[in-house]
Protein backbone atom coordinates (compact mmCIF):
# COMPACT_ATOMS: atom_id res chain seq x y z
CA MET A 1 -38.48 59.43 -2.05
CA SER A 2 -39.53 57.43 -5.11
CA LYS A 3 -39.30 53.63 -5.15
CA GLU A 4 -36.73 53.96 -7.93
CA ASN A 5 -34.45 56.14 -5.78
CA ILE A 6 -34.90 53.85 -2.77
CA GLN A 7 -33.61 50.94 -4.87
CA ARG A 8 -30.66 53.02 -6.09
CA PHE A 9 -29.79 54.20 -2.59
CA ASP A 10 -29.98 50.61 -1.28
CA PHE A 11 -27.66 49.57 -4.09
CA ILE A 12 -25.15 52.31 -3.19
CA SER A 13 -25.26 51.28 0.48
CA ASN A 14 -24.69 47.59 -0.33
CA ILE A 15 -21.76 48.33 -2.64
CA SER A 16 -20.19 50.73 -0.14
CA TYR A 17 -20.51 48.25 2.73
CA TRP A 18 -19.11 45.17 1.00
CA GLU A 19 -16.58 46.75 -1.35
CA GLY A 20 -15.73 49.75 0.79
CA ARG A 21 -16.03 52.05 -2.21
CA VAL A 22 -18.51 53.14 -4.87
CA ASN A 23 -18.32 55.25 -8.01
CA THR A 24 -20.44 56.21 -10.99
CA SER A 25 -19.36 53.08 -12.91
CA HIS A 26 -21.29 50.90 -10.47
CA LEU A 27 -24.51 52.79 -11.18
CA VAL A 28 -23.89 53.01 -14.93
CA LYS A 29 -23.47 49.24 -15.15
CA LYS A 30 -26.33 48.32 -12.81
CA PHE A 31 -29.04 50.75 -13.91
CA LYS A 32 -27.89 51.51 -17.49
CA LEU A 33 -27.63 55.21 -16.69
CA SER A 34 -25.40 57.92 -18.13
CA ARG A 35 -22.41 59.00 -16.07
CA GLN A 36 -24.02 62.39 -15.55
CA ALA A 37 -27.20 60.82 -14.18
CA SER A 38 -25.16 58.46 -11.98
CA SER A 39 -23.18 61.37 -10.58
CA GLY A 40 -26.45 63.12 -9.76
CA ILE A 41 -27.73 60.10 -7.82
CA LEU A 42 -24.49 59.85 -5.85
CA LYS A 43 -24.77 63.57 -5.08
CA GLN A 44 -28.33 63.05 -3.78
CA TYR A 45 -27.17 60.12 -1.66
CA ARG A 46 -24.35 62.16 -0.11
CA GLU A 47 -26.70 65.06 0.59
CA LYS A 48 -29.04 62.69 2.43
CA TYR A 49 -26.20 60.85 4.22
CA PRO A 50 -23.29 63.34 4.42
CA ALA A 51 -21.31 61.28 6.96
CA TYR A 52 -21.41 58.02 4.99
CA LEU A 53 -18.98 58.57 2.11
CA THR A 54 -15.86 60.59 1.46
CA TYR A 55 -14.28 61.14 -1.94
CA ASN A 56 -10.80 59.73 -2.59
CA GLN A 57 -9.01 61.42 -5.49
CA SER A 58 -6.42 58.67 -6.09
CA SER A 59 -9.00 55.89 -6.44
CA LYS A 60 -11.58 58.18 -8.07
CA ALA A 61 -14.26 56.70 -5.85
CA PHE A 62 -16.29 57.46 -2.74
CA ILE A 63 -14.93 55.55 0.25
CA ALA A 64 -17.13 54.27 3.07
CA THR A 65 -16.39 56.03 6.36
CA PRO A 66 -16.03 54.08 9.64
CA TYR A 67 -19.26 55.76 10.77
CA PHE A 68 -21.12 54.40 7.73
CA THR A 69 -19.75 50.86 8.18
CA LYS A 70 -20.83 50.80 11.83
CA THR A 71 -24.23 52.37 11.17
CA PHE A 72 -25.06 50.21 8.17
CA SER A 73 -24.03 47.04 10.00
CA GLN A 74 -26.24 47.85 13.00
CA ARG A 75 -29.17 48.84 10.82
CA ASN A 76 -28.95 45.73 8.65
CA LYS A 77 -28.25 42.83 10.99
CA GLN A 78 -30.03 40.49 8.58
CA ASN A 79 -28.10 41.86 5.62
CA THR A 80 -26.06 39.07 4.04
CA PHE A 81 -23.38 38.79 1.42
CA LEU A 82 -26.02 37.20 -0.79
CA SER A 83 -28.01 40.43 -0.84
CA TYR A 84 -24.89 42.26 -2.03
CA LEU A 85 -24.35 39.83 -4.90
CA ARG A 86 -28.01 40.06 -5.82
CA ALA A 87 -27.64 43.84 -5.91
CA VAL A 88 -24.67 43.76 -8.27
CA SER A 89 -25.86 40.93 -10.51
CA ILE A 90 -29.66 40.80 -10.83
CA ASP A 91 -32.77 42.88 -10.29
CA ILE A 92 -34.79 41.69 -7.32
CA THR A 93 -38.52 42.26 -6.97
CA ASP A 94 -39.50 43.99 -3.77
CA LEU A 95 -41.66 41.14 -2.46
CA GLN A 96 -40.10 39.97 0.77
CA ASN A 97 -40.74 43.09 2.81
CA ASP A 98 -44.16 44.02 1.42
CA ALA A 99 -47.11 43.74 3.81
CA GLY A 100 -48.97 41.54 1.32
CA SER A 101 -46.01 39.36 0.44
CA PHE A 102 -46.65 35.77 -0.59
CA VAL A 103 -43.02 34.86 -1.32
CA TYR A 104 -40.86 33.78 1.59
CA GLU A 105 -37.38 32.40 2.03
CA VAL A 106 -36.46 29.65 4.50
CA GLU A 107 -33.86 31.02 6.88
CA ALA A 108 -30.59 29.15 7.25
CA LEU A 109 -27.76 29.37 9.75
CA LEU A 110 -25.35 31.24 7.51
CA ARG A 111 -21.70 31.68 8.46
CA HIS A 112 -20.53 35.11 9.55
CA ILE A 113 -18.78 37.05 6.80
CA SER A 114 -16.88 40.23 7.55
CA PRO A 115 -16.68 43.03 4.96
CA GLU A 116 -13.09 43.67 6.10
CA GLN A 117 -12.15 40.25 4.73
CA VAL A 118 -14.44 40.41 1.70
CA ARG A 119 -13.17 43.72 0.31
CA PRO A 120 -9.56 42.70 -0.48
CA ILE A 121 -10.74 39.39 -1.94
CA LEU A 122 -13.20 41.16 -4.24
CA ARG A 123 -10.48 43.56 -5.28
CA ALA A 124 -8.06 40.70 -5.92
CA ILE A 125 -10.65 38.99 -8.15
CA ARG A 126 -11.49 42.20 -9.97
CA GLU A 127 -7.86 43.25 -10.52
CA ASN A 128 -6.27 39.77 -10.87
CA LYS A 129 -4.08 40.17 -7.79
CA ALA A 130 -2.45 37.77 -5.33
CA ILE A 131 -3.10 38.41 -1.63
CA ASP A 132 -1.55 37.25 1.62
CA ILE A 133 -4.30 36.67 4.19
CA GLY A 134 -4.86 34.68 7.36
CA TYR A 135 -6.88 31.47 7.06
CA ILE A 136 -8.09 28.88 9.56
CA SER A 137 -9.32 25.33 8.91
CA LEU A 138 -10.29 22.26 10.91
CA SER A 139 -6.94 20.66 10.09
CA SER A 140 -5.06 23.87 11.04
CA PRO A 141 -7.11 25.55 13.81
CA ASP A 142 -4.53 28.33 14.25
CA TYR A 143 -4.56 31.14 11.71
CA ILE A 144 -1.85 30.68 9.07
CA ASP A 145 -0.99 33.20 6.40
CA ARG A 146 -1.90 31.98 2.94
CA ILE A 147 -1.00 33.56 -0.37
CA ILE A 148 -3.89 32.96 -2.73
CA GLU A 149 -4.95 34.18 -6.16
CA PRO A 150 -8.79 34.21 -6.12
CA HIS A 151 -10.84 34.21 -9.31
CA ALA A 152 -14.43 33.29 -8.30
CA LEU A 153 -16.99 33.09 -5.50
CA ILE A 154 -19.24 30.05 -4.98
CA PHE A 155 -22.41 29.87 -2.87
CA ASP A 156 -23.50 26.31 -2.02
CA GLY A 157 -26.77 27.33 -0.37
CA LEU A 158 -25.29 27.67 3.14
CA ARG A 159 -21.69 28.78 2.79
CA TRP A 160 -19.65 31.08 0.59
CA HIS A 161 -16.42 29.74 -0.89
CA VAL A 162 -13.52 31.41 -2.67
CA ARG A 163 -12.04 29.57 -5.63
CA ALA A 164 -8.35 30.43 -5.74
CA PHE A 165 -4.88 29.23 -6.62
CA CYS A 166 -3.04 28.41 -3.37
CA HIS A 167 0.70 29.07 -3.29
CA LYS A 168 1.19 26.63 -0.40
CA ASN A 169 -0.43 23.68 -2.19
CA GLN A 170 0.45 24.84 -5.70
CA ASP A 171 -3.05 24.00 -6.82
CA PHE A 172 -6.50 25.52 -7.18
CA ARG A 173 -8.54 25.06 -4.00
CA ASP A 174 -11.80 26.18 -2.38
CA PHE A 175 -11.62 28.28 0.78
CA ASN A 176 -14.51 29.04 3.14
CA LEU A 177 -15.07 32.78 2.98
CA SER A 178 -15.99 32.93 6.68
CA ARG A 179 -12.60 31.51 7.74
CA PHE A 180 -10.41 34.33 6.50
CA ASN A 181 -9.06 36.72 9.12
CA GLY A 182 -6.51 39.44 9.65
CA LYS A 183 -5.31 42.21 7.38
CA ALA A 184 -4.74 41.23 3.77
CA GLU A 185 -1.59 42.29 1.96
CA PHE A 186 -1.45 42.44 -1.82
CA GLU A 187 1.39 40.46 -3.38
CA GLY A 188 1.44 41.79 -6.91
CA ASN A 189 -0.27 40.41 -9.99
CA ALA A 190 -1.71 36.89 -10.02
CA SER A 191 0.34 34.31 -11.92
CA GLN A 192 -2.47 31.76 -12.30
CA SER A 193 -5.65 32.85 -14.05
CA ALA A 194 -9.02 31.08 -14.07
CA ASP A 195 -8.35 29.59 -17.50
CA LYS A 196 -5.60 27.45 -15.90
CA ASP A 197 -8.02 26.02 -13.34
CA GLU A 198 -8.91 22.72 -15.05
CA LYS A 199 -11.72 21.78 -12.66
CA TRP A 200 -13.23 25.21 -13.16
CA GLN A 201 -12.97 25.20 -16.94
CA ASN A 202 -14.18 21.63 -17.46
CA TYR A 203 -17.73 20.40 -16.99
CA ILE A 204 -19.32 17.08 -16.10
CA GLU A 205 -22.84 15.76 -16.53
CA LEU A 206 -24.76 14.63 -13.46
CA THR A 207 -27.56 12.16 -14.24
CA PHE A 208 -30.11 10.96 -11.68
CA GLU A 209 -33.32 8.92 -11.58
CA PRO A 210 -36.01 7.96 -9.04
CA ASP A 211 -34.91 5.78 -6.14
CA HIS A 212 -35.17 2.12 -7.20
CA ARG A 213 -37.03 1.26 -3.97
CA PHE A 214 -40.15 3.12 -5.13
CA ASN A 215 -42.92 1.29 -6.94
CA GLU A 216 -43.80 2.41 -10.49
CA LYS A 217 -46.54 4.85 -9.45
CA GLN A 218 -44.27 6.46 -6.86
CA LYS A 219 -41.48 6.72 -9.43
CA GLN A 220 -43.87 8.56 -11.73
CA VAL A 221 -44.46 11.17 -9.01
CA ILE A 222 -40.69 11.83 -8.85
CA ILE A 223 -40.43 11.85 -12.65
CA ASN A 224 -43.11 14.56 -12.79
CA ASP A 225 -41.50 16.55 -9.95
CA TYR A 226 -38.17 16.78 -11.76
CA GLN A 227 -39.58 16.81 -15.33
CA MET A 228 -37.50 13.78 -16.23
CA LYS A 229 -37.40 12.37 -19.73
CA ASN A 230 -37.33 8.59 -20.07
CA GLY A 231 -37.09 8.39 -16.30
CA ARG A 232 -33.88 10.42 -16.01
CA LYS A 233 -32.66 13.98 -15.58
CA SER A 234 -29.22 15.42 -16.36
CA ILE A 235 -27.52 18.59 -15.10
CA THR A 236 -24.22 19.93 -16.40
CA THR A 237 -21.95 21.58 -13.83
CA ARG A 238 -18.35 22.67 -13.42
CA ILE A 239 -16.25 19.87 -11.93
CA ALA A 240 -15.16 22.33 -9.22
CA MET A 241 -18.81 22.70 -8.14
CA LEU A 242 -19.79 19.04 -8.41
CA ASN A 243 -19.62 18.20 -4.69
CA TYR A 244 -21.67 21.25 -3.75
CA LEU A 245 -24.37 20.26 -6.24
CA LEU A 246 -24.42 16.68 -4.92
CA LYS A 247 -24.91 17.98 -1.40
CA LYS A 248 -27.65 20.38 -2.46
CA LEU A 249 -29.54 17.56 -4.20
CA HIS A 250 -28.93 15.24 -1.22
CA LEU A 251 -26.99 12.88 -3.46
CA ASP A 252 -23.83 12.93 -1.36
CA SER A 253 -25.19 10.15 0.89
CA TYR A 254 -27.76 7.34 0.75
CA GLN A 255 -30.78 7.65 3.02
CA SER A 256 -32.43 4.73 4.80
CA THR A 257 -35.82 5.24 3.14
CA PRO A 258 -36.75 6.04 -0.48
CA GLU A 259 -39.06 8.84 0.74
CA ALA A 260 -36.03 10.58 2.26
CA GLN A 261 -33.75 9.83 -0.71
CA GLN A 262 -36.20 10.32 -3.64
CA ILE A 263 -33.50 10.48 -6.37
CA VAL A 264 -30.25 8.56 -6.94
CA LEU A 265 -27.38 8.81 -9.39
CA THR A 266 -27.36 6.39 -12.30
CA SER A 267 -24.69 3.70 -12.12
CA ASP A 268 -22.82 5.18 -15.11
CA CYS A 269 -22.83 8.62 -13.50
CA ARG A 270 -21.52 7.29 -10.17
CA ARG A 271 -18.63 5.68 -12.01
CA ASP A 272 -17.82 8.81 -14.02
CA ILE A 273 -17.75 11.22 -11.06
CA GLN A 274 -16.01 8.94 -8.52
CA GLN A 275 -12.56 10.48 -9.05
CA TYR A 276 -13.89 13.98 -8.27
CA LEU A 277 -15.64 13.27 -4.97
CA PHE A 278 -14.33 14.90 -1.78
CA ASN A 279 -14.22 11.56 0.04
CA HIS A 280 -12.47 9.74 -2.80
């Protein structure tokens, strides 16, 4: 099989596993193919793996069989939700598994995510639906049904979050994707779209500089690392993603040594973002 077909087959497998369904539109959008060519690739895939997919007339899509879900899960124990999103959003170079690879990724202890919980959430986002689904949190350790209207997924480097309007709190909240459980029930069309999520629609500028405890030569090292101008660097982010960015840059706490801290927020920035911090 050609490298091109291997990539296409991997794409079909990823879509089928996480969404539970695949059709020609997925291939048309991803690989810029005609519908006829996409149908031909799906036909080749089904000929190679006849027990993996079954056609559903009402949804006009190929549905993943229980056999496929079990087989794919066992064969891809290191497969993560991130690999699915990479497959549907960007082209990835085939470096990590090559014998001569020089690009590596530091492994992290990622939370378990079940495709059974992901599929209805993806559908709700795609079709602007409300869903009733079980959710557990540290404040409520027993599963409680929540009706949410999801509109986006967020990856903070370790965990996946769902940005959604919560009927219980009557507000837009973030939910850990790994903490959903139980069968999801669709509750009709969503009443709150992403354009009503103020923290999602509005942005804030994060400005940082070298830790003040460094001497001037050490500060210059940090300035060069981050390509700062006039000793500062600014990043614009959605307000809803601010706390995740602070954590990723290690700006959510103050370390005991400048070597551990390296960068700090400017005083003006700390004042401007204070109202949006989780611990505020």
